[in-house]
Amino acid sequence: SQVFAYPAAIDWKEVTGKLKVRGAPGVYVIRNSFLDPD
């Protein structure tokens, strides 16, 4: 894969719930590439 956050098999809501995360976590993706057709 060109970029990844975490395995889809992980129940991330359970992770954030057990860690008492405040608010919605922010996922910031830096894609070091051009995405428009060239």
Full PDB file with SEQRES, HELIX, SHEET, SSBOND, CRYST1, ORIGX, SCALE, CONECT and MASTER records, all heavy atoms in Angstrom:
SEQRES   1 A   38  SER GLN VAL PHE ALA TYR PRO ALA ALA ILE ASP TRP LYS          
SEQRES   2 A   38  GLU VAL THR GLY LYS LEU LYS VAL ARG GLY ALA PRO GLY          
SEQRES   3 A   38  VAL TYR VAL ILE ARG ASN SER PHE LEU ASP PRO ASP              
HELIX    1 AA1 TRP A   12  LYS A   18  1                                   7    
CRYST1    1.000    1.000    1.000  90.00  90.00  90.00 P 1           1          
ORIGX1      1.000000  0.000000  0.000000        0.00000                         
ORIGX2      0.000000  1.000000  0.000000        0.00000                         
ORIGX3      0.000000  0.000000  1.000000        0.00000                         
SCALE1      1.000000  0.000000  0.000000        0.00000                         
SCALE2      0.000000  1.000000  0.000000        0.00000                         
SCALE3      0.000000  0.000000  1.000000        0.00000                         
ATOM      1  N   SER A   1       0.860  -1.188   0.000  1.00  0.00           N  
ATOM      2  CA  SER A   1       0.000   0.000   0.000  1.00  0.00           C  
ATOM      3  C   SER A   1       0.893   1.234   0.000  1.00  0.00           C  
ATOM      4  O   SER A   1       2.009   1.199   0.511  1.00  0.00           O  
ATOM      5  CB  SER A   1      -0.930   0.012   1.218  1.00  0.00           C  
ATOM      6  OG  SER A   1      -0.187   0.010   2.422  1.00  0.00           O  
ATOM      7  N   GLN A   2       0.399   2.301  -0.571  1.00  0.00           N  
ATOM      8  CA  GLN A   2       1.172   3.535  -0.657  1.00  0.00           C  
ATOM      9  C   GLN A   2       1.117   4.337   0.639  1.00  0.00           C  
ATOM     10  O   GLN A   2       1.975   5.181   0.897  1.00  0.00           O  
ATOM     11  CB  GLN A   2       0.665   4.391  -1.818  1.00  0.00           C  
ATOM     12  CG  GLN A   2       0.901   3.789  -3.186  1.00  0.00           C  
ATOM     13  CD  GLN A   2       2.367   3.631  -3.502  1.00  0.00           C  
ATOM     14  OE1 GLN A   2       3.153   4.557  -3.348  1.00  0.00           O  
ATOM     15  NE2 GLN A   2       2.746   2.448  -3.934  1.00  0.00           N  
ATOM     16  N   VAL A   3       0.102   4.076   1.438  1.00  0.00           N  
ATOM     17  CA  VAL A   3      -0.064   4.791   2.703  1.00  0.00           C  
ATOM     18  C   VAL A   3      -1.029   3.979   3.563  1.00  0.00           C  
ATOM     19  O   VAL A   3      -1.906   3.294   3.040  1.00  0.00           O  
ATOM     20  CB  VAL A   3      -0.597   6.227   2.448  1.00  0.00           C  
ATOM     21  CG1 VAL A   3      -1.975   6.211   1.806  1.00  0.00           C  
ATOM     22  CG2 VAL A   3      -0.595   7.080   3.705  1.00  0.00           C  
ATOM     23  N   PHE A   4      -0.854   4.008   4.891  1.00  0.00           N  
ATOM     24  CA  PHE A   4      -1.753   3.250   5.765  1.00  0.00           C  
ATOM     25  C   PHE A   4      -1.940   3.986   7.088  1.00  0.00           C  
ATOM     26  O   PHE A   4      -1.071   4.757   7.521  1.00  0.00           O  
ATOM     27  CB  PHE A   4      -1.214   1.840   6.027  1.00  0.00           C  
ATOM     28  CG  PHE A   4      -0.063   1.774   7.011  1.00  0.00           C  
ATOM     29  CD1 PHE A   4      -0.286   1.446   8.342  1.00  0.00           C  
ATOM     30  CD2 PHE A   4       1.243   2.038   6.603  1.00  0.00           C  
ATOM     31  CE1 PHE A   4       0.772   1.391   9.251  1.00  0.00           C  
ATOM     32  CE2 PHE A   4       2.301   1.985   7.503  1.00  0.00           C  
ATOM     33  CZ  PHE A   4       2.062   1.661   8.829  1.00  0.00           C  
ATOM     34  N   ALA A   5      -3.083   3.745   7.706  1.00  0.00           N  
ATOM     35  CA  ALA A   5      -3.361   4.322   9.022  1.00  0.00           C  
ATOM     36  C   ALA A   5      -3.287   3.228  10.086  1.00  0.00           C  
ATOM     37  O   ALA A   5      -2.453   3.266  10.989  1.00  0.00           O  
ATOM     38  CB  ALA A   5      -4.726   5.000   9.033  1.00  0.00           C  
ATOM     39  N   TYR A   6      -4.178   2.233   9.976  1.00  0.00           N  
ATOM     40  CA  TYR A   6      -4.172   1.088  10.885  1.00  0.00           C  
ATOM     41  C   TYR A   6      -4.973  -0.025  10.220  1.00  0.00           C  
ATOM     42  O   TYR A   6      -5.774   0.233   9.310  1.00  0.00           O  
ATOM     43  CB  TYR A   6      -4.761   1.446  12.256  1.00  0.00           C  
ATOM     44  CG  TYR A   6      -6.119   2.119  12.204  1.00  0.00           C  
ATOM     45  CD1 TYR A   6      -7.302   1.388  12.108  1.00  0.00           C  
ATOM     46  CD2 TYR A   6      -6.224   3.503  12.279  1.00  0.00           C  
ATOM     47  CE1 TYR A   6      -8.547   2.011  12.068  1.00  0.00           C  
ATOM     48  CE2 TYR A   6      -7.460   4.146  12.237  1.00  0.00           C  
ATOM     49  CZ  TYR A   6      -8.613   3.390  12.137  1.00  0.00           C  
ATOM     50  OH  TYR A   6      -9.834   4.007  12.099  1.00  0.00           O  
ATOM     51  N   PRO A   7      -4.759  -1.286  10.639  1.00  0.00           N  
ATOM     52  CA  PRO A   7      -5.486  -2.392  10.009  1.00  0.00           C  
ATOM     53  C   PRO A   7      -6.999  -2.239  10.160  1.00  0.00           C  
ATOM     54  O   PRO A   7      -7.498  -1.885  11.235  1.00  0.00           O  
ATOM     55  CB  PRO A   7      -4.978  -3.623  10.760  1.00  0.00           C  
ATOM     56  CG  PRO A   7      -3.629  -3.228  11.265  1.00  0.00           C  
ATOM     57  CD  PRO A   7      -3.757  -1.775  11.609  1.00  0.00           C  
ATOM     58  N   ALA A   8      -7.730  -2.538   9.098  1.00  0.00           N  
ATOM     59  CA  ALA A   8      -9.186  -2.451   9.138  1.00  0.00           C  
ATOM     60  C   ALA A   8      -9.775  -3.445  10.127  1.00  0.00           C  
ATOM     61  O   ALA A   8     -10.912  -3.261  10.593  1.00  0.00           O  
ATOM     62  CB  ALA A   8      -9.756  -2.700   7.741  1.00  0.00           C  
ATOM     63  N   ALA A   9      -9.017  -4.480  10.473  1.00  0.00           N  
ATOM     64  CA  ALA A   9      -9.511  -5.494  11.410  1.00  0.00           C  
ATOM     65  C   ALA A   9      -9.599  -4.978  12.842  1.00  0.00           C  
ATOM     66  O   ALA A   9     -10.261  -5.588  13.689  1.00  0.00           O  
ATOM     67  CB  ALA A   9      -8.600  -6.723  11.366  1.00  0.00           C  
ATOM     68  N   ILE A  10      -8.943  -3.849  13.142  1.00  0.00           N  
ATOM     69  CA  ILE A  10      -8.964  -3.307  14.498  1.00  0.00           C  
ATOM     70  C   ILE A  10     -10.259  -2.536  14.737  1.00  0.00           C  
ATOM     71  O   ILE A  10     -10.669  -1.717  13.915  1.00  0.00           O  
ATOM     72  CB  ILE A  10      -7.748  -2.387  14.735  1.00  0.00           C  
ATOM     73  CG1 ILE A  10      -6.450  -3.204  14.677  1.00  0.00           C  
ATOM     74  CG2 ILE A  10      -7.856  -1.682  16.087  1.00  0.00           C  
ATOM     75  CD1 ILE A  10      -5.195  -2.385  14.892  1.00  0.00           C  
ATOM     76  N   ASP A  11     -10.875  -2.790  15.859  1.00  0.00           N  
ATOM     77  CA  ASP A  11     -12.066  -2.045  16.266  1.00  0.00           C  
ATOM     78  C   ASP A  11     -11.584  -0.734  16.881  1.00  0.00           C  
ATOM     79  O   ASP A  11     -11.345  -0.649  18.091  1.00  0.00           O  
ATOM     80  CB  ASP A  11     -12.888  -2.862  17.270  1.00  0.00           C  
ATOM     81  CG  ASP A  11     -14.197  -2.175  17.660  1.00  0.00           C  
ATOM     82  OD1 ASP A  11     -14.335  -0.962  17.394  1.00  0.00           O  
ATOM     83  OD2 ASP A  11     -15.069  -2.842  18.235  1.00  0.00           O  
ATOM     84  N   TRP A  12     -11.434   0.281  16.034  1.00  0.00           N  
ATOM     85  CA  TRP A  12     -10.823   1.527  16.514  1.00  0.00           C  
ATOM     86  C   TRP A  12     -11.726   2.272  17.494  1.00  0.00           C  
ATOM     87  O   TRP A  12     -11.251   3.000  18.362  1.00  0.00           O  
ATOM     88  CB  TRP A  12     -10.445   2.424  15.344  1.00  0.00           C  
ATOM     89  CG  TRP A  12      -9.326   3.355  15.698  1.00  0.00           C  
ATOM     90  CD1 TRP A  12      -9.405   4.689  15.980  1.00  0.00           C  
ATOM     91  CD2 TRP A  12      -7.946   3.004  15.844  1.00  0.00           C  
ATOM     92  NE1 TRP A  12      -8.158   5.199  16.293  1.00  0.00           N  
ATOM     93  CE2 TRP A  12      -7.248   4.182  16.219  1.00  0.00           C  
ATOM     94  CE3 TRP A  12      -7.228   1.810  15.699  1.00  0.00           C  
ATOM     95  CZ2 TRP A  12      -5.871   4.192  16.441  1.00  0.00           C  
ATOM     96  CZ3 TRP A  12      -5.862   1.825  15.923  1.00  0.00           C  
ATOM     97  CH2 TRP A  12      -5.203   3.003  16.286  1.00  0.00           C  
ATOM     98  N   LYS A  13     -13.023   2.079  17.363  1.00  0.00           N  
ATOM     99  CA  LYS A  13     -13.927   2.700  18.332  1.00  0.00           C  
ATOM    100  C   LYS A  13     -13.688   2.134  19.728  1.00  0.00           C  
ATOM    101  O   LYS A  13     -13.773   2.854  20.730  1.00  0.00           O  
ATOM    102  CB  LYS A  13     -15.384   2.490  17.916  1.00  0.00           C  
ATOM    103  CG  LYS A  13     -15.833   3.402  16.779  1.00  0.00           C  
ATOM    104  CD  LYS A  13     -17.325   3.261  16.518  1.00  0.00           C  
ATOM    105  CE  LYS A  13     -17.787   4.240  15.443  1.00  0.00           C  
ATOM    106  NZ  LYS A  13     -19.238   4.110  15.165  1.00  0.00           N  
ATOM    107  N   GLU A  14     -13.391   0.843  19.799  1.00  0.00           N  
ATOM    108  CA  GLU A  14     -13.063   0.254  21.096  1.00  0.00           C  
ATOM    109  C   GLU A  14     -11.754   0.820  21.623  1.00  0.00           C  
ATOM    110  O   GLU A  14     -11.630   1.130  22.820  1.00  0.00           O  
ATOM    111  CB  GLU A  14     -12.960  -1.266  20.992  1.00  0.00           C  
ATOM    112  CG  GLU A  14     -12.640  -1.922  22.332  1.00  0.00           C  
ATOM    113  CD  GLU A  14     -12.573  -3.438  22.262  1.00  0.00           C  
ATOM    114  OE1 GLU A  14     -12.902  -3.995  21.205  1.00  0.00           O  
ATOM    115  OE2 GLU A  14     -12.192  -4.058  23.276  1.00  0.00           O  
ATOM    116  N   VAL A  15     -10.773   0.988  20.735  1.00  0.00           N  
ATOM    117  CA  VAL A  15      -9.481   1.552  21.129  1.00  0.00           C  
ATOM    118  C   VAL A  15      -9.667   2.947  21.712  1.00  0.00           C  
ATOM    119  O   VAL A  15      -9.192   3.249  22.815  1.00  0.00           O  
ATOM    120  CB  VAL A  15      -8.515   1.592  19.921  1.00  0.00           C  
ATOM    121  CG1 VAL A  15      -7.254   2.372  20.279  1.00  0.00           C  
ATOM    122  CG2 VAL A  15      -8.162   0.178  19.473  1.00  0.00           C  
ATOM    123  N   THR A  16     -10.345   3.817  20.975  1.00  0.00           N  
ATOM    124  CA  THR A  16     -10.512   5.195  21.441  1.00  0.00           C  
ATOM    125  C   THR A  16     -11.419   5.270  22.671  1.00  0.00           C  
ATOM    126  O   THR A  16     -11.229   6.136  23.529  1.00  0.00           O  
ATOM    127  CB  THR A  16     -11.068   6.086  20.316  1.00  0.00           C  
ATOM    128  OG1 THR A  16     -12.297   5.528  19.825  1.00  0.00           O  
ATOM    129  CG2 THR A  16     -10.073   6.187  19.175  1.00  0.00           C  
ATOM    130  N   GLY A  17     -12.363   4.344  22.755  1.00  0.00           N  
ATOM    131  CA  GLY A  17     -13.233   4.325  23.931  1.00  0.00           C  
ATOM    132  C   GLY A  17     -12.472   3.955  25.186  1.00  0.00           C  
ATOM    133  O   GLY A  17     -12.619   4.609  26.238  1.00  0.00           O  
ATOM    134  N   LYS A  18     -11.627   2.929  25.108  1.00  0.00           N  
ATOM    135  CA  LYS A  18     -10.858   2.499  26.276  1.00  0.00           C  
ATOM    136  C   LYS A  18      -9.815   3.553  26.678  1.00  0.00           C  
ATOM    137  O   LYS A  18      -9.463   3.659  27.860  1.00  0.00           O  
ATOM    138  CB  LYS A  18     -10.159   1.169  25.979  1.00  0.00           C  
ATOM    139  CG  LYS A  18     -11.119  -0.016  25.810  1.00  0.00           C  
ATOM    140  CD  LYS A  18     -11.760  -0.388  27.139  1.00  0.00           C  
ATOM    141  CE  LYS A  18     -12.687  -1.603  27.002  1.00  0.00           C  
ATOM    142  NZ  LYS A  18     -11.985  -2.852  26.727  1.00  0.00           N  
ATOM    143  N   LEU A  19      -9.347   4.314  25.710  1.00  0.00           N  
ATOM    144  CA  LEU A  19      -8.354   5.355  26.006  1.00  0.00           C  
ATOM    145  C   LEU A  19      -9.005   6.688  26.386  1.00  0.00           C  
ATOM    146  O   LEU A  19      -8.294   7.665  26.620  1.00  0.00           O  
ATOM    147  CB  LEU A  19      -7.428   5.558  24.794  1.00  0.00           C  
ATOM    148  CG  LEU A  19      -6.469   4.406  24.490  1.00  0.00           C  
ATOM    149  CD1 LEU A  19      -5.725   4.657  23.177  1.00  0.00           C  
ATOM    150  CD2 LEU A  19      -5.467   4.221  25.629  1.00  0.00           C  
ATOM    151  N   LYS A  20     -10.340   6.702  26.459  1.00  0.00           N  
ATOM    152  CA  LYS A  20     -11.079   7.908  26.853  1.00  0.00           C  
ATOM    153  C   LYS A  20     -10.727   9.111  25.972  1.00  0.00           C  
ATOM    154  O   LYS A  20     -10.530  10.229  26.457  1.00  0.00           O  
ATOM    155  CB  LYS A  20     -10.801   8.257  28.323  1.00  0.00           C  
ATOM    156  CG  LYS A  20     -10.962   7.117  29.304  1.00  0.00           C  
ATOM    157  CD  LYS A  20     -12.398   6.663  29.410  1.00  0.00           C  
ATOM    158  CE  LYS A  20     -12.545   5.588  30.488  1.00  0.00           C  
ATOM    159  NZ  LYS A  20     -13.892   4.989  30.528  1.00  0.00           N  
ATOM    160  N   VAL A  21     -10.612   8.866  24.660  1.00  0.00           N  
ATOM    161  CA  VAL A  21     -10.217   9.929  23.732  1.00  0.00           C  
ATOM    162  C   VAL A  21     -11.289  11.024  23.698  1.00  0.00           C  
ATOM    163  O   VAL A  21     -12.488  10.737  23.616  1.00  0.00           O  
ATOM    164  CB  VAL A  21      -9.989   9.360  22.315  1.00  0.00           C  
ATOM    165  CG1 VAL A  21      -9.708  10.482  21.318  1.00  0.00           C  
ATOM    166  CG2 VAL A  21      -8.835   8.362  22.344  1.00  0.00           C  
ATOM    167  N   ARG A  22     -10.841  12.257  23.751  1.00  0.00           N  
ATOM    168  CA  ARG A  22     -11.756  13.396  23.741  1.00  0.00           C  
ATOM    169  C   ARG A  22     -12.044  13.827  22.299  1.00  0.00           C  
ATOM    170  O   ARG A  22     -11.118  14.128  21.542  1.00  0.00           O  
ATOM    171  CB  ARG A  22     -11.157  14.573  24.500  1.00  0.00           C  
ATOM    172  CG  ARG A  22     -10.855  14.294  25.966  1.00  0.00           C  
ATOM    173  CD  ARG A  22     -10.251  15.523  26.620  1.00  0.00           C  
ATOM    174  NE  ARG A  22      -9.734  15.243  27.964  1.00  0.00           N  
ATOM    175  CZ  ARG A  22      -9.072  16.126  28.718  1.00  0.00           C  
ATOM    176  NH1 ARG A  22      -8.847  17.351  28.231  1.00  0.00           N  
ATOM    177  NH2 ARG A  22      -8.638  15.789  29.915  1.00  0.00           N  
ATOM    178  N   GLY A  23     -13.296  13.839  21.926  1.00  0.00           N  
ATOM    179  CA  GLY A  23     -13.672  14.282  20.594  1.00  0.00           C  
ATOM    180  C   GLY A  23     -13.317  13.265  19.527  1.00  0.00           C  
ATOM    181  O   GLY A  23     -12.881  12.139  19.797  1.00  0.00           O  
ATOM    182  N   ALA A  24     -13.481  13.687  18.273  1.00  0.00           N  
ATOM    183  CA  ALA A  24     -13.184  12.813  17.132  1.00  0.00           C  
ATOM    184  C   ALA A  24     -11.704  12.891  16.793  1.00  0.00           C  
ATOM    185  O   ALA A  24     -11.172  13.986  16.576  1.00  0.00           O  
ATOM    186  CB  ALA A  24     -14.017  13.225  15.925  1.00  0.00           C  
ATOM    187  N   PRO A  25     -11.009  11.750  16.732  1.00  0.00           N  
ATOM    188  CA  PRO A  25      -9.595  11.772  16.341  1.00  0.00           C  
ATOM    189  C   PRO A  25      -9.428  12.332  14.925  1.00  0.00           C  
ATOM    190  O   PRO A  25     -10.260  12.097  14.040  1.00  0.00           O  
ATOM    191  CB  PRO A  25      -9.187  10.297  16.391  1.00  0.00           C  
ATOM    192  CG  PRO A  25     -10.171   9.654  17.319  1.00  0.00           C  
ATOM    193  CD  PRO A  25     -11.459  10.385  17.082  1.00  0.00           C  
ATOM    194  N   GLY A  26      -8.351  13.067  14.720  1.00  0.00           N  
ATOM    195  CA  GLY A  26      -8.041  13.593  13.399  1.00  0.00           C  
ATOM    196  C   GLY A  26      -6.998  12.736  12.712  1.00  0.00           C  
ATOM    197  O   GLY A  26      -5.938  12.452  13.285  1.00  0.00           O  
ATOM    198  N   VAL A  27      -7.304  12.280  11.508  1.00  0.00           N  
ATOM    199  CA  VAL A  27      -6.357  11.506  10.700  1.00  0.00           C  
ATOM    200  C   VAL A  27      -5.825  12.417   9.601  1.00  0.00           C  
ATOM    201  O   VAL A  27      -6.594  12.901   8.765  1.00  0.00           O  
ATOM    202  CB  VAL A  27      -7.017  10.261  10.084  1.00  0.00           C  
ATOM    203  CG1 VAL A  27      -6.029   9.522   9.177  1.00  0.00           C  
ATOM    204  CG2 VAL A  27      -7.534   9.329  11.177  1.00  0.00           C  
ATOM    205  N   TYR A  28      -4.519  12.670   9.603  1.00  0.00           N  
ATOM    206  CA  TYR A  28      -3.883  13.550   8.629  1.00  0.00           C  
ATOM    207  C   TYR A  28      -3.016  12.709   7.697  1.00  0.00           C  
ATOM    208  O   TYR A  28      -2.068  12.053   8.129  1.00  0.00           O  
ATOM    209  CB  TYR A  28      -3.037  14.611   9.333  1.00  0.00           C  
ATOM    210  CG  TYR A  28      -3.883  15.595  10.119  1.00  0.00           C  
ATOM    211  CD1 TYR A  28      -4.239  15.336  11.442  1.00  0.00           C  
ATOM    212  CD2 TYR A  28      -4.352  16.767   9.529  1.00  0.00           C  
ATOM    213  CE1 TYR A  28      -5.033  16.223  12.159  1.00  0.00           C  
ATOM    214  CE2 TYR A  28      -5.147  17.665  10.235  1.00  0.00           C  
ATOM    215  CZ  TYR A  28      -5.491  17.381  11.547  1.00  0.00           C  
ATOM    216  OH  TYR A  28      -6.283  18.257  12.247  1.00  0.00           O  
ATOM    217  N   VAL A  29      -3.377  12.726   6.423  1.00  0.00           N  
ATOM    218  CA  VAL A  29      -2.704  11.910   5.417  1.00  0.00           C  
ATOM    219  C   VAL A  29      -1.877  12.815   4.511  1.00  0.00           C  
ATOM    220  O   VAL A  29      -2.419  13.713   3.858  1.00  0.00           O  
ATOM    221  CB  VAL A  29      -3.719  11.128   4.562  1.00  0.00           C  
ATOM    222  CG1 VAL A  29      -2.989  10.227   3.567  1.00  0.00           C  
ATOM    223  CG2 VAL A  29      -4.662  10.317   5.437  1.00  0.00           C  
ATOM    224  N   ILE A  30      -0.573  12.587   4.471  1.00  0.00           N  
ATOM    225  CA  ILE A  30       0.295  13.309   3.538  1.00  0.00           C  
ATOM    226  C   ILE A  30       0.642  12.354   2.401  1.00  0.00           C  
ATOM    227  O   ILE A  30       1.365  11.379   2.595  1.00  0.00           O  
ATOM    228  CB  ILE A  30       1.578  13.820   4.213  1.00  0.00           C  
ATOM    229  CG1 ILE A  30       1.228  14.819   5.327  1.00  0.00           C  
ATOM    230  CG2 ILE A  30       2.499  14.477   3.182  1.00  0.00           C  
ATOM    231  CD1 ILE A  30       2.447  15.348   6.077  1.00  0.00           C  
ATOM    232  N   ARG A  31       0.094  12.639   1.239  1.00  0.00           N  
ATOM    233  CA  ARG A  31       0.363  11.826   0.044  1.00  0.00           C  
ATOM    234  C   ARG A  31       1.414  12.544  -0.778  1.00  0.00           C  
ATOM    235  O   ARG A  31       1.130  13.553  -1.438  1.00  0.00           O  
ATOM    236  CB  ARG A  31      -0.929  11.620  -0.767  1.00  0.00           C  
ATOM    237  CG  ARG A  31      -0.732  10.772  -2.020  1.00  0.00           C  
ATOM    238  CD  ARG A  31      -0.419   9.327  -1.670  1.00  0.00           C  
ATOM    239  NE  ARG A  31      -0.244   8.507  -2.868  1.00  0.00           N  
ATOM    240  CZ  ARG A  31       0.940   8.086  -3.327  1.00  0.00           C  
ATOM    241  NH1 ARG A  31       2.059   8.404  -2.684  1.00  0.00           N  
ATOM    242  NH2 ARG A  31       1.008   7.345  -4.412  1.00  0.00           N  
ATOM    243  N   ASN A  32       2.635  12.036  -0.725  1.00  0.00           N  
ATOM    244  CA  ASN A  32       3.760  12.664  -1.414  1.00  0.00           C  
ATOM    245  C   ASN A  32       3.733  12.342  -2.905  1.00  0.00           C  
ATOM    246  O   ASN A  32       4.613  11.670  -3.447  1.00  0.00           O  
ATOM    247  CB  ASN A  32       5.074  12.196  -0.791  1.00  0.00           C  
ATOM    248  CG  ASN A  32       5.282  12.737   0.607  1.00  0.00           C  
ATOM    249  OD1 ASN A  32       5.241  13.946   0.821  1.00  0.00           O  
ATOM    250  ND2 ASN A  32       5.490  11.846   1.558  1.00  0.00           N  
ATOM    251  N   SER A  33       2.703  12.829  -3.566  1.00  0.00           N  
ATOM    252  CA  SER A  33       2.526  12.514  -4.977  1.00  0.00           C  
ATOM    253  C   SER A  33       1.507  13.462  -5.584  1.00  0.00           C  
ATOM    254  O   SER A  33       0.792  14.176  -4.879  1.00  0.00           O  
ATOM    255  CB  SER A  33       2.043  11.069  -5.138  1.00  0.00           C  
ATOM    256  OG  SER A  33       1.854  10.733  -6.496  1.00  0.00           O  
ATOM    257  N   PHE A  34       1.464  13.450  -6.912  1.00  0.00           N  
ATOM    258  CA  PHE A  34       0.398  14.129  -7.645  1.00  0.00           C  
ATOM    259  C   PHE A  34      -0.760  13.143  -7.773  1.00  0.00           C  
ATOM    260  O   PHE A  34      -0.547  11.967  -8.042  1.00  0.00           O  
ATOM    261  CB  PHE A  34       0.872  14.535  -9.037  1.00  0.00           C  
ATOM    262  CG  PHE A  34       2.032  15.499  -9.039  1.00  0.00           C  
ATOM    263  CD1 PHE A  34       3.341  15.024  -9.041  1.00  0.00           C  
ATOM    264  CD2 PHE A  34       1.822  16.861  -9.030  1.00  0.00           C  
ATOM    265  CE1 PHE A  34       4.413  15.901  -9.042  1.00  0.00           C  
ATOM    266  CE2 PHE A  34       2.890  17.748  -9.034  1.00  0.00           C  
ATOM    267  CZ  PHE A  34       4.192  17.272  -9.041  1.00  0.00           C  
ATOM    268  N   LEU A  35      -1.971  13.608  -7.601  1.00  0.00           N  
ATOM    269  CA  LEU A  35      -3.132  12.735  -7.725  1.00  0.00           C  
ATOM    270  C   LEU A  35      -3.950  13.011  -8.975  1.00  0.00           C  
ATOM    271  O   LEU A  35      -4.733  12.169  -9.400  1.00  0.00           O  
ATOM    272  CB  LEU A  35      -4.027  12.858  -6.482  1.00  0.00           C  
ATOM    273  CG  LEU A  35      -3.392  12.416  -5.166  1.00  0.00           C  
ATOM    274  CD1 LEU A  35      -4.402  12.520  -4.033  1.00  0.00           C  
ATOM    275  CD2 LEU A  35      -2.855  10.996  -5.263  1.00  0.00           C  
ATOM    276  N   ASP A  36      -3.774  14.188  -9.555  1.00  0.00           N  
ATOM    277  CA  ASP A  36      -4.507  14.506 -10.777  1.00  0.00           C  
ATOM    278  C   ASP A  36      -3.918  13.716 -11.952  1.00  0.00           C  
ATOM    279  O   ASP A  36      -2.702  13.497 -12.014  1.00  0.00           O  
ATOM    280  CB  ASP A  36      -4.423  16.004 -11.076  1.00  0.00           C  
ATOM    281  CG  ASP A  36      -5.076  16.847  -9.985  1.00  0.00           C  
ATOM    282  OD1 ASP A  36      -6.121  16.410  -9.473  1.00  0.00           O  
ATOM    283  OD2 ASP A  36      -4.537  17.918  -9.649  1.00  0.00           O  
ATOM    284  N   PRO A  37      -4.750  13.282 -12.889  1.00  0.00           N  
ATOM    285  CA  PRO A  37      -4.241  12.582 -14.081  1.00  0.00           C  
ATOM    286  C   PRO A  37      -3.207  13.434 -14.817  1.00  0.00           C  
ATOM    287  O   PRO A  37      -3.356  14.655 -14.916  1.00  0.00           O  
ATOM    288  CB  PRO A  37      -5.500  12.367 -14.931  1.00  0.00           C  
ATOM    289  CG  PRO A  37      -6.627  12.415 -13.968  1.00  0.00           C  
ATOM    290  CD  PRO A  37      -6.217  13.400 -12.910  1.00  0.00           C  
ATOM    291  N   ASP A  38      -2.170  12.802 -15.290  1.00  0.00           N  
ATOM    292  CA  ASP A  38      -1.061  13.497 -15.944  1.00  0.00           C  
ATOM    293  C   ASP A  38      -0.911  12.959 -17.367  1.00  0.00           C  
ATOM    294  O   ASP A  38      -0.390  11.855 -17.568  1.00  0.00           O  
ATOM    295  CB  ASP A  38       0.221  13.269 -15.131  1.00  0.00           C  
ATOM    296  CG  ASP A  38       1.454  13.806 -15.831  1.00  0.00           C  
ATOM    297  OD1 ASP A  38       1.320  14.776 -16.588  1.00  0.00           O  
ATOM    298  OD2 ASP A  38       2.544  13.238 -15.609  1.00  0.00           O  
TER     299      ASP A  38                                                      
MASTER        0    0    0    1    0    0    0    6  298    1    0    3          
END                                                                             
